[in-house]
Amino acid sequence: MKLNQSVRTYVENRPRYTGYSFEKLFPDVLFPADSEHNKLKGTSARDLLSKMLVIDASKRISVDEALQHPYINVWYDP
């Protein structure tokens, strides 16, 4: 999908925003440290989030792939 030219111009002229790392946005304290499942760690959750939040849909993780991800697979029983 192409952007309207005025929207494209507006976006291209905005200052660059570097954003924050997933480690800063989702620190380890947000995830259960005493979980019975050792796969429920912050690093695994951040990995899944980073794959789900990819803007380009062709590069984004699929639903089936997400269900197989170690962070989700703890609960998923096909």
PDB file of N, CA and C in Angstrom:
ATOM      1  N   MET A   1       0.848  -1.172   0.000  1.00  0.00           N
ATOM      2  CA  MET A   1       0.000   0.000   0.000  1.00  0.00           C
ATOM      3  C   MET A   1       0.899   1.242   0.000  1.00  0.00           C
ATOM      4  N   LYS A   2       0.607   2.166  -0.875  1.00  0.00           N
ATOM      5  CA  LYS A   2       1.388   3.404  -0.962  1.00  0.00           C
ATOM      6  C   LYS A   2       0.731   4.496  -0.134  1.00  0.00           C
ATOM      7  N   LEU A   3       1.580   5.311   0.450  1.00  0.00           N
ATOM      8  CA  LEU A   3       1.083   6.450   1.212  1.00  0.00           C
ATOM      9  C   LEU A   3       0.708   7.591   0.280  1.00  0.00           C
ATOM     10  N   ASN A   4      -0.290   8.337   0.697  1.00  0.00           N
ATOM     11  CA  ASN A   4      -0.639   9.572   0.012  1.00  0.00           C
ATOM     12  C   ASN A   4       0.607  10.459   0.007  1.00  0.00           C
ATOM     13  N   GLN A   5       0.847  11.180  -1.062  1.00  0.00           N
ATOM     14  CA  GLN A   5       2.077  11.975  -1.192  1.00  0.00           C
ATOM     15  C   GLN A   5       2.246  12.988  -0.065  1.00  0.00           C
ATOM     16  N   SER A   6       1.171  13.630   0.366  1.00  0.00           N
ATOM     17  CA  SER A   6       1.310  14.607   1.458  1.00  0.00           C
ATOM     18  C   SER A   6       1.678  13.905   2.770  1.00  0.00           C
ATOM     19  N   VAL A   7       1.150  12.713   2.982  1.00  0.00           N
ATOM     20  CA  VAL A   7       1.497  11.947   4.183  1.00  0.00           C
ATOM     21  C   VAL A   7       2.957  11.515   4.103  1.00  0.00           C
ATOM     22  N   ARG A   8       3.365  11.024   2.939  1.00  0.00           N
ATOM     23  CA  ARG A   8       4.750  10.595   2.744  1.00  0.00           C
ATOM     24  C   ARG A   8       5.715  11.757   3.013  1.00  0.00           C
ATOM     25  N   THR A   9       5.416  12.919   2.479  1.00  0.00           N
ATOM     26  CA  THR A   9       6.266  14.097   2.666  1.00  0.00           C
ATOM     27  C   THR A   9       6.347  14.466   4.142  1.00  0.00           C
ATOM     28  N   TYR A  10       5.205  14.446   4.821  1.00  0.00           N
ATOM     29  CA  TYR A  10       5.175  14.764   6.247  1.00  0.00           C
ATOM     30  C   TYR A  10       6.060  13.791   7.036  1.00  0.00           C
ATOM     31  N   VAL A  11       5.886  12.507   6.791  1.00  0.00           N
ATOM     32  CA  VAL A  11       6.648  11.492   7.522  1.00  0.00           C
ATOM     33  C   VAL A  11       8.139  11.599   7.220  1.00  0.00           C
ATOM     34  N   GLU A  12       8.482  11.797   5.970  1.00  0.00           N
ATOM     35  CA  GLU A  12       9.894  11.886   5.591  1.00  0.00           C
ATOM     36  C   GLU A  12      10.581  13.115   6.177  1.00  0.00           C
ATOM     37  N   ASN A  13       9.832  14.151   6.480  1.00  0.00           N
ATOM     38  CA  ASN A  13      10.415  15.376   7.020  1.00  0.00           C
ATOM     39  C   ASN A  13      10.406  15.442   8.543  1.00  0.00           C
ATOM     40  N   ARG A  14       9.849  14.443   9.174  1.00  0.00           N
ATOM     41  CA  ARG A  14       9.869  14.386  10.636  1.00  0.00           C
ATOM     42  C   ARG A  14      11.276  14.031  11.102  1.00  0.00           C
ATOM     43  N   PRO A  15      11.689  14.530  12.264  1.00  0.00           N
ATOM     44  CA  PRO A  15      13.006  14.146  12.790  1.00  0.00           C
ATOM     45  C   PRO A  15      13.036  12.641  13.098  1.00  0.00           C
ATOM     46  N   ARG A  16      14.185  12.045  12.917  1.00  0.00           N
ATOM     47  CA  ARG A  16      14.353  10.617  13.216  1.00  0.00           C
ATOM     48  C   ARG A  16      14.179  10.379  14.710  1.00  0.00           C
ATOM     49  N   TYR A  17      13.513   9.296  15.033  1.00  0.00           N
ATOM     50  CA  TYR A  17      13.302   8.902  16.421  1.00  0.00           C
ATOM     51  C   TYR A  17      13.963   7.548  16.615  1.00  0.00           C
ATOM     52  N   THR A  18      14.946   7.480  17.484  1.00  0.00           N
ATOM     53  CA  THR A  18      15.683   6.234  17.664  1.00  0.00           C
ATOM     54  C   THR A  18      14.920   5.210  18.489  1.00  0.00           C
ATOM     55  N   GLY A  19      14.032   5.659  19.333  1.00  0.00           N
ATOM     56  CA  GLY A  19      13.253   4.729  20.141  1.00  0.00           C
ATOM     57  C   GLY A  19      14.046   4.162  21.301  1.00  0.00           C
ATOM     58  N   TYR A  20      13.462   3.156  21.929  1.00  0.00           N
ATOM     59  CA  TYR A  20      14.064   2.503  23.083  1.00  0.00           C
ATOM     60  C   TYR A  20      14.270   1.028  22.772  1.00  0.00           C
ATOM     61  N   SER A  21      15.210   0.430  23.454  1.00  0.00           N
ATOM     62  CA  SER A  21      15.447  -1.002  23.278  1.00  0.00           C
ATOM     63  C   SER A  21      14.331  -1.778  23.973  1.00  0.00           C
ATOM     64  N   PHE A  22      14.127  -3.014  23.533  1.00  0.00           N
ATOM     65  CA  PHE A  22      13.134  -3.867  24.180  1.00  0.00           C
ATOM     66  C   PHE A  22      13.531  -4.146  25.627  1.00  0.00           C
ATOM     67  N   GLU A  23      14.824  -4.180  25.924  1.00  0.00           N
ATOM     68  CA  GLU A  23      15.277  -4.403  27.298  1.00  0.00           C
ATOM     69  C   GLU A  23      14.835  -3.264  28.213  1.00  0.00           C
ATOM     70  N   LYS A  24      14.812  -2.051  27.684  1.00  0.00           N
ATOM     71  CA  LYS A  24      14.371  -0.903  28.484  1.00  0.00           C
ATOM     72  C   LYS A  24      12.843  -0.865  28.588  1.00  0.00           C
ATOM     73  N   LEU A  25      12.155  -1.164  27.487  1.00  0.00           N
ATOM     74  CA  LEU A  25      10.695  -1.140  27.493  1.00  0.00           C
ATOM     75  C   LEU A  25      10.099  -2.285  28.305  1.00  0.00           C
ATOM     76  N   PHE A  26      10.741  -3.443  28.238  1.00  0.00           N
ATOM     77  CA  PHE A  26      10.237  -4.645  28.903  1.00  0.00           C
ATOM     78  C   PHE A  26      11.343  -5.259  29.761  1.00  0.00           C
ATOM     79  N   PRO A  27      11.649  -4.635  30.913  1.00  0.00           N
ATOM     80  CA  PRO A  27      12.736  -5.142  31.756  1.00  0.00           C
ATOM     81  C   PRO A  27      12.378  -6.498  32.375  1.00  0.00           C
ATOM     82  N   ASP A  28      13.398  -7.210  32.805  1.00  0.00           N
ATOM     83  CA  ASP A  28      13.206  -8.546  33.368  1.00  0.00           C
ATOM     84  C   ASP A  28      12.238  -8.567  34.547  1.00  0.00           C
ATOM     85  N   VAL A  29      12.140  -7.481  35.297  1.00  0.00           N
ATOM     86  CA  VAL A  29      11.253  -7.460  36.469  1.00  0.00           C
ATOM     87  C   VAL A  29       9.779  -7.615  36.088  1.00  0.00           C
ATOM     88  N   LEU A  30       9.441  -7.412  34.824  1.00  0.00           N
ATOM     89  CA  LEU A  30       8.056  -7.577  34.381  1.00  0.00           C
ATOM     90  C   LEU A  30       7.674  -9.036  34.161  1.00  0.00           C
ATOM     91  N   PHE A  31       8.646  -9.925  34.213  1.00  0.00           N
ATOM     92  CA  PHE A  31       8.400 -11.330  33.926  1.00  0.00           C
ATOM     93  C   PHE A  31       8.641 -12.162  35.175  1.00  0.00           C
ATOM     94  N   PRO A  32       7.886 -13.241  35.338  1.00  0.00           N
ATOM     95  CA  PRO A  32       7.986 -14.041  36.569  1.00  0.00           C
ATOM     96  C   PRO A  32       9.369 -14.666  36.744  1.00  0.00           C
ATOM     97  N   ALA A  33      10.040 -14.308  37.828  1.00  0.00           N
ATOM     98  CA  ALA A  33      11.375 -14.850  38.098  1.00  0.00           C
ATOM     99  C   ALA A  33      11.288 -16.231  38.734  1.00  0.00           C
ATOM    100  N   ASP A  34      10.192 -16.495  39.418  1.00  0.00           N
ATOM    101  CA  ASP A  34      10.046 -17.765  40.128  1.00  0.00           C
ATOM    102  C   ASP A  34       9.098 -18.716  39.406  1.00  0.00           C
ATOM    103  N   SER A  35       8.963 -18.550  38.117  1.00  0.00           N
ATOM    104  CA  SER A  35       8.048 -19.374  37.340  1.00  0.00           C
ATOM    105  C   SER A  35       8.512 -20.823  37.311  1.00  0.00           C
ATOM    106  N   GLU A  36       7.550 -21.729  37.287  1.00  0.00           N
ATOM    107  CA  GLU A  36       7.885 -23.150  37.162  1.00  0.00           C
ATOM    108  C   GLU A  36       8.392 -23.471  35.755  1.00  0.00           C
ATOM    109  N   HIS A  37       8.113 -22.579  34.817  1.00  0.00           N
ATOM    110  CA  HIS A  37       8.562 -22.763  33.439  1.00  0.00           C
ATOM    111  C   HIS A  37       9.782 -21.887  33.199  1.00  0.00           C
ATOM    112  N   ASN A  38      10.929 -22.515  32.967  1.00  0.00           N
ATOM    113  CA  ASN A  38      12.148 -21.728  32.770  1.00  0.00           C
ATOM    114  C   ASN A  38      12.163 -20.991  31.443  1.00  0.00           C
ATOM    115  N   LYS A  39      11.180 -21.265  30.561  1.00  0.00           N
ATOM    116  CA  LYS A  39      11.127 -20.565  29.278  1.00  0.00           C
ATOM    117  C   LYS A  39      10.403 -19.223  29.390  1.00  0.00           C
ATOM    118  N   LEU A  40       9.789 -18.953  30.541  1.00  0.00           N
ATOM    119  CA  LEU A  40       9.068 -17.696  30.731  1.00  0.00           C
ATOM    120  C   LEU A  40      10.017 -16.612  31.244  1.00  0.00           C
ATOM    121  N   LYS A  41      11.032 -16.378  30.503  1.00  0.00           N
ATOM    122  CA  LYS A  41      12.030 -15.378  30.868  1.00  0.00           C
ATOM    123  C   LYS A  41      11.869 -14.147  29.998  1.00  0.00           C
ATOM    124  N   GLY A  42      12.367 -13.037  30.483  1.00  0.00           N
ATOM    125  CA  GLY A  42      12.278 -11.787  29.745  1.00  0.00           C
ATOM    126  C   GLY A  42      12.901 -11.855  28.368  1.00  0.00           C
ATOM    127  N   THR A  43      14.036 -12.525  28.253  1.00  0.00           N
ATOM    128  CA  THR A  43      14.696 -12.595  26.942  1.00  0.00           C
ATOM    129  C   THR A  43      13.835 -13.311  25.920  1.00  0.00           C
ATOM    130  N   SER A  44      13.165 -14.368  26.336  1.00  0.00           N
ATOM    131  CA  SER A  44      12.297 -15.112  25.417  1.00  0.00           C
ATOM    132  C   SER A  44      11.072 -14.284  25.040  1.00  0.00           C
ATOM    133  N   ALA A  45      10.500 -13.590  26.013  1.00  0.00           N
ATOM    134  CA  ALA A  45       9.335 -12.739  25.743  1.00  0.00           C
ATOM    135  C   ALA A  45       9.706 -11.590  24.813  1.00  0.00           C
ATOM    136  N   ARG A  46      10.844 -10.961  25.069  1.00  0.00           N
ATOM    137  CA  ARG A  46      11.293  -9.866  24.202  1.00  0.00           C
ATOM    138  C   ARG A  46      11.569 -10.354  22.787  1.00  0.00           C
ATOM    139  N   ASP A  47      12.107 -11.551  22.665  1.00  0.00           N
ATOM    140  CA  ASP A  47      12.357 -12.114  21.342  1.00  0.00           C
ATOM    141  C   ASP A  47      11.045 -12.270  20.582  1.00  0.00           C
ATOM    142  N   LEU A  48      10.029 -12.817  21.235  1.00  0.00           N
ATOM    143  CA  LEU A  48       8.721 -12.981  20.593  1.00  0.00           C
ATOM    144  C   LEU A  48       8.116 -11.630  20.229  1.00  0.00           C
ATOM    145  N   LEU A  49       8.144 -10.686  21.151  1.00  0.00           N
ATOM    146  CA  LEU A  49       7.602  -9.353  20.875  1.00  0.00           C
ATOM    147  C   LEU A  49       8.294  -8.694  19.689  1.00  0.00           C
ATOM    148  N   SER A  50       9.608  -8.815  19.635  1.00  0.00           N
ATOM    149  CA  SER A  50      10.339  -8.191  18.527  1.00  0.00           C
ATOM    150  C   SER A  50       9.958  -8.805  17.189  1.00  0.00           C
ATOM    151  N   LYS A  51       9.617 -10.087  17.186  1.00  0.00           N
ATOM    152  CA  LYS A  51       9.202 -10.752  15.947  1.00  0.00           C
ATOM    153  C   LYS A  51       7.756 -10.421  15.584  1.00  0.00           C
ATOM    154  N   MET A  52       6.920 -10.170  16.586  1.00  0.00           N
ATOM    155  CA  MET A  52       5.513  -9.852  16.335  1.00  0.00           C
ATOM    156  C   MET A  52       5.308  -8.398  15.927  1.00  0.00           C
ATOM    157  N   LEU A  53       6.194  -7.516  16.350  1.00  0.00           N
ATOM    158  CA  LEU A  53       6.020  -6.086  16.115  1.00  0.00           C
ATOM    159  C   LEU A  53       6.789  -5.562  14.904  1.00  0.00           C
ATOM    160  N   VAL A  54       7.162  -6.454  14.008  1.00  0.00           N
ATOM    161  CA  VAL A  54       7.836  -6.044  12.780  1.00  0.00           C
ATOM    162  C   VAL A  54       6.814  -5.351  11.881  1.00  0.00           C
ATOM    163  N   ILE A  55       7.132  -4.179  11.387  1.00  0.00           N
ATOM    164  CA  ILE A  55       6.188  -3.407  10.574  1.00  0.00           C
ATOM    165  C   ILE A  55       5.906  -4.085   9.246  1.00  0.00           C
ATOM    166  N   ASP A  56       6.931  -4.591   8.593  1.00  0.00           N
ATOM    167  CA  ASP A  56       6.774  -5.255   7.297  1.00  0.00           C
ATOM    168  C   ASP A  56       6.138  -6.629   7.512  1.00  0.00           C
ATOM    169  N   ALA A  57       4.889  -6.778   7.081  1.00  0.00           N
ATOM    170  CA  ALA A  57       4.144  -8.017   7.307  1.00  0.00           C
ATOM    171  C   ALA A  57       4.821  -9.234   6.687  1.00  0.00           C
ATOM    172  N   SER A  58       5.548  -9.044   5.603  1.00  0.00           N
ATOM    173  CA  SER A  58       6.215 -10.185   4.965  1.00  0.00           C
ATOM    174  C   SER A  58       7.388 -10.700   5.803  1.00  0.00           C
ATOM    175  N   LYS A  59       7.874  -9.882   6.735  1.00  0.00           N
ATOM    176  CA  LYS A  59       8.983 -10.279   7.602  1.00  0.00           C
ATOM    177  C   LYS A  59       8.516 -10.612   9.020  1.00  0.00           C
ATOM    178  N   ARG A  60       7.254 -10.352   9.310  1.00  0.00           N
ATOM    179  CA  ARG A  60       6.690 -10.565  10.640  1.00  0.00           C
ATOM    180  C   ARG A  60       6.436 -12.055  10.877  1.00  0.00           C
ATOM    181  N   ILE A  61       6.552 -12.484  12.109  1.00  0.00           N
ATOM    182  CA  ILE A  61       6.291 -13.864  12.484  1.00  0.00           C
ATOM    183  C   ILE A  61       4.810 -14.183  12.232  1.00  0.00           C
ATOM    184  N   SER A  62       4.534 -15.377  11.726  1.00  0.00           N
ATOM    185  CA  SER A  62       3.145 -15.777  11.474  1.00  0.00           C
ATOM    186  C   SER A  62       2.519 -16.270  12.778  1.00  0.00           C
ATOM    187  N   VAL A  63       1.219 -16.434  12.775  1.00  0.00           N
ATOM    188  CA  VAL A  63       0.520 -16.948  13.959  1.00  0.00           C
ATOM    189  C   VAL A  63       1.025 -18.346  14.287  1.00  0.00           C
ATOM    190  N   ASP A  64       1.143 -19.189  13.273  1.00  0.00           N
ATOM    191  CA  ASP A  64       1.630 -20.552  13.503  1.00  0.00           C
ATOM    192  C   ASP A  64       3.050 -20.555  14.068  1.00  0.00           C
ATOM    193  N   GLU A  65       3.903 -19.679  13.545  1.00  0.00           N
ATOM    194  CA  GLU A  65       5.271 -19.578  14.061  1.00  0.00           C
ATOM    195  C   GLU A  65       5.266 -19.060  15.498  1.00  0.00           C
ATOM    196  N   ALA A  66       4.396 -18.109  15.782  1.00  0.00           N
ATOM    197  CA  ALA A  66       4.303 -17.566  17.144  1.00  0.00           C
ATOM    198  C   ALA A  66       3.853 -18.646  18.128  1.00  0.00           C
ATOM    199  N   LEU A  67       2.928 -19.483  17.699  1.00  0.00           N
ATOM    200  CA  LEU A  67       2.454 -20.555  18.574  1.00  0.00           C
ATOM    201  C   LEU A  67       3.545 -21.582  18.865  1.00  0.00           C
ATOM    202  N   GLN A  68       4.520 -21.675  17.999  1.00  0.00           N
ATOM    203  CA  GLN A  68       5.641 -22.599  18.207  1.00  0.00           C
ATOM    204  C   GLN A  68       6.802 -21.958  18.965  1.00  0.00           C
ATOM    205  N   HIS A  69       6.722 -20.653  19.175  1.00  0.00           N
ATOM    206  CA  HIS A  69       7.795 -19.953  19.889  1.00  0.00           C
ATOM    207  C   HIS A  69       7.862 -20.475  21.328  1.00  0.00           C
ATOM    208  N   PRO A  70       9.065 -20.648  21.876  1.00  0.00           N
ATOM    209  CA  PRO A  70       9.205 -21.188  23.234  1.00  0.00           C
ATOM    210  C   PRO A  70       8.406 -20.443  24.306  1.00  0.00           C
ATOM    211  N   TYR A  71       8.234 -19.137  24.165  1.00  0.00           N
ATOM    212  CA  TYR A  71       7.500 -18.390  25.196  1.00  0.00           C
ATOM    213  C   TYR A  71       6.017 -18.742  25.197  1.00  0.00           C
ATOM    214  N   ILE A  72       5.439 -18.971  24.036  1.00  0.00           N
ATOM    215  CA  ILE A  72       4.016 -19.311  23.923  1.00  0.00           C
ATOM    216  C   ILE A  72       3.803 -20.805  24.060  1.00  0.00           C
ATOM    217  N   ASN A  73       4.739 -21.573  23.547  1.00  0.00           N
ATOM    218  CA  ASN A  73       4.594 -23.021  23.495  1.00  0.00           C
ATOM    219  C   ASN A  73       4.407 -23.652  24.870  1.00  0.00           C
ATOM    220  N   VAL A  74       4.768 -22.959  25.920  1.00  0.00           N
ATOM    221  CA  VAL A  74       4.562 -23.459  27.283  1.00  0.00           C
ATOM    222  C   VAL A  74       3.080 -23.730  27.530  1.00  0.00           C
ATOM    223  N   TRP A  75       2.203 -22.880  26.987  1.00  0.00           N
ATOM    224  CA  TRP A  75       0.766 -23.008  27.214  1.00  0.00           C
ATOM    225  C   TRP A  75       0.014 -23.653  26.058  1.00  0.00           C
ATOM    226  N   TYR A  76       0.604 -23.658  24.883  1.00  0.00           N
ATOM    227  CA  TYR A  76      -0.110 -24.097  23.684  1.00  0.00           C
ATOM    228  C   TYR A  76      -0.094 -25.611  23.573  1.00  0.00           C
ATOM    229  N   ASP A  77      -1.279 -26.191  23.454  1.00  0.00           N
ATOM    230  CA  ASP A  77      -1.418 -27.636  23.297  1.00  0.00           C
ATOM    231  C   ASP A  77      -2.332 -27.895  22.105  1.00  0.00           C
ATOM    232  N   PRO A  78      -1.742 -28.148  20.927  1.00  0.00           N
ATOM    233  CA  PRO A  78      -2.580 -28.324  19.721  1.00  0.00           C
ATOM    234  C   PRO A  78      -3.409 -29.524  19.853  1.00  0.00           C
TER     235      PRO A  78
END
